[in-house]
């Protein structure tokens, strides 16, 4: 397999993986998404080690198209991840509020509260 063919194979693999990661995010499979991210980063590293030469017009054009699709997928994934982070922030905030209420009422446990009436 030539270097150019191997490089294009890596580019196609990263595109397929980016599509998979986007699907995982759409379905809320966050743990699997994180596991796939490790593979994705390894492919990015492999692409960096085996670049496509600019004098290979057809291959570089093909790689450019793949890159555009990968970048689009990354942007879509970033939007989904930001939405998930907002969701998690809200859950953490709600948990903190519930803890504060529980603590406040816990301090009053066992006490009977009566309004003070003027005598």
Protein backbone atom coordinates (compact mmCIF):
# COMPACT_ATOMS: atom_id res chain seq x y z
CA UNK A 1 0.00 0.00 0.00
CA UNK A 2 1.46 3.35 -0.98
CA UNK A 3 1.82 6.20 1.48
CA UNK A 4 -0.89 8.17 -0.32
CA UNK A 5 -3.30 5.24 -0.24
CA UNK A 6 -2.56 4.63 3.44
CA UNK A 7 -3.03 8.33 4.20
CA UNK A 8 -6.39 8.40 2.42
CA UNK A 9 -7.44 5.27 4.30
CA UNK A 10 -6.72 7.12 7.56
CA UNK A 11 -8.74 10.11 6.36
CA UNK A 12 -11.67 7.87 5.46
CA UNK A 13 -11.40 6.12 8.82
CA UNK A 14 -11.53 9.40 10.69
CA UNK A 15 -14.60 10.44 8.71
CA UNK A 16 -16.37 7.17 9.51
CA UNK A 17 -15.43 7.52 13.18
CA UNK A 18 -16.63 11.12 13.32
CA UNK A 19 -19.99 9.99 11.92
CA UNK A 20 -20.16 7.24 14.56
CA UNK A 21 -19.33 9.70 17.34
CA UNK A 22 -22.01 12.09 16.12
CA UNK A 23 -24.59 9.28 16.13
CA UNK A 24 -23.55 8.28 19.65
CA UNK A 25 -24.05 11.86 20.81
CA UNK A 26 -27.46 12.07 19.14
CA UNK A 27 -28.50 8.92 21.01
CA UNK A 28 -27.01 10.08 24.34
CA UNK A 29 -24.41 7.28 24.50
CA UNK A 30 -21.87 9.51 26.25
CA UNK A 31 -19.69 6.75 27.72
CA UNK A 32 -19.27 5.07 24.32
CA UNK A 33 -18.58 8.46 22.75
CA UNK A 34 -15.70 9.04 25.17
CA UNK A 35 -14.30 5.59 24.36
CA UNK A 36 -14.42 6.39 20.64
CA UNK A 37 -12.70 9.72 21.20
CA UNK A 38 -9.48 7.91 22.10
CA UNK A 39 -9.52 6.14 18.72
CA UNK A 40 -10.33 9.43 17.01
CA UNK A 41 -7.35 11.19 18.58
CA UNK A 42 -5.08 8.30 17.56
CA UNK A 43 -6.25 8.61 13.95
CA UNK A 44 -5.60 12.35 14.01
CA UNK A 45 -2.09 11.63 15.23
CA UNK A 46 -1.60 9.01 12.49
CA UNK A 47 -2.75 11.50 9.84
CA UNK A 48 -0.24 14.02 11.16
CA UNK A 49 2.55 11.47 10.76
CA UNK A 50 1.56 10.50 7.23
CA UNK A 51 0.46 13.66 5.40
CA UNK A 52 -0.81 13.70 1.84
CA UNK A 53 1.64 15.41 -0.47
CA UNK A 54 0.28 18.53 -2.13
CA UNK A 55 1.56 17.41 -5.53
CA UNK A 56 -0.99 14.56 -5.48
CA UNK A 57 -3.95 16.67 -6.70
CA UNK A 58 -6.65 14.01 -6.77
CA UNK A 59 -5.73 12.67 -3.35
CA UNK A 60 -5.39 16.11 -1.79
CA UNK A 61 -8.77 17.16 -3.24
CA UNK A 62 -10.33 14.00 -1.83
CA UNK A 63 -8.71 14.62 1.55
CA UNK A 64 -9.99 18.22 1.52
CA UNK A 65 -13.56 17.02 0.96
CA UNK A 66 -13.21 14.51 3.77
CA UNK A 67 -11.77 17.19 6.05
CA UNK A 68 -14.72 19.48 5.35
CA UNK A 69 -17.13 16.71 6.35
CA UNK A 70 -15.10 15.88 9.47
CA UNK A 71 -15.06 19.54 10.51
CA UNK A 72 -18.82 19.78 9.99
CA UNK A 73 -19.31 16.67 12.15
CA UNK A 74 -17.02 18.12 14.82
CA UNK A 75 -19.01 21.34 14.90
CA UNK A 76 -22.27 19.41 15.21
CA UNK A 77 -20.75 17.27 17.94
CA UNK A 78 -19.56 20.38 19.79
CA UNK A 79 -23.12 21.74 19.79
CA UNK A 80 -24.46 18.48 21.23
CA UNK A 81 -21.71 18.35 23.85
CA UNK A 82 -22.41 21.94 24.91
CA UNK A 83 -26.09 21.08 25.30
CA UNK A 84 -25.12 18.07 27.43
CA UNK A 85 -22.84 20.25 29.58
CA UNK A 86 -25.70 22.70 30.13
CA UNK A 87 -27.92 19.77 31.13
CA UNK A 88 -25.30 18.50 33.59
CA UNK A 89 -24.81 22.00 35.03
CA UNK A 90 -28.54 22.23 35.64
CA UNK A 91 -28.57 18.83 37.34
CA UNK A 92 -25.66 19.84 39.57
CA UNK A 93 -27.38 23.11 40.43
CA UNK A 94 -30.63 21.29 41.28
CA UNK A 95 -28.74 18.81 43.44
CA UNK A 96 -27.04 21.67 45.30
CA UNK A 97 -30.39 23.37 45.87
CA UNK A 98 -31.94 20.14 47.14
CA UNK A 99 -29.02 19.64 49.49
CA UNK A 100 -29.45 23.17 50.87
CA UNK A 101 -33.15 22.61 51.49
CA UNK A 102 -32.49 19.24 53.14
CA UNK A 103 -29.81 20.77 55.36
CA UNK A 104 -32.08 23.66 56.35
CA UNK A 105 -34.99 21.38 57.22
CA UNK A 106 -32.68 18.85 58.83
CA UNK A 107 -31.63 21.43 61.40
CA UNK A 108 -35.27 21.84 62.37
CA UNK A 109 -35.90 18.11 62.76
CA UNK A 110 -37.57 17.25 66.04
CA UNK A 111 -38.59 20.82 66.74
CA UNK A 112 -42.23 21.75 66.78
CA UNK A 113 -42.73 25.20 65.43
CA UNK A 114 -45.59 27.35 66.64
CA UNK A 115 -46.23 30.92 65.68
CA UNK A 116 -45.79 33.40 68.50
CA UNK A 117 -48.99 34.94 69.61
CA UNK A 118 -49.05 38.22 71.45
CA UNK A 119 -50.08 37.77 75.08
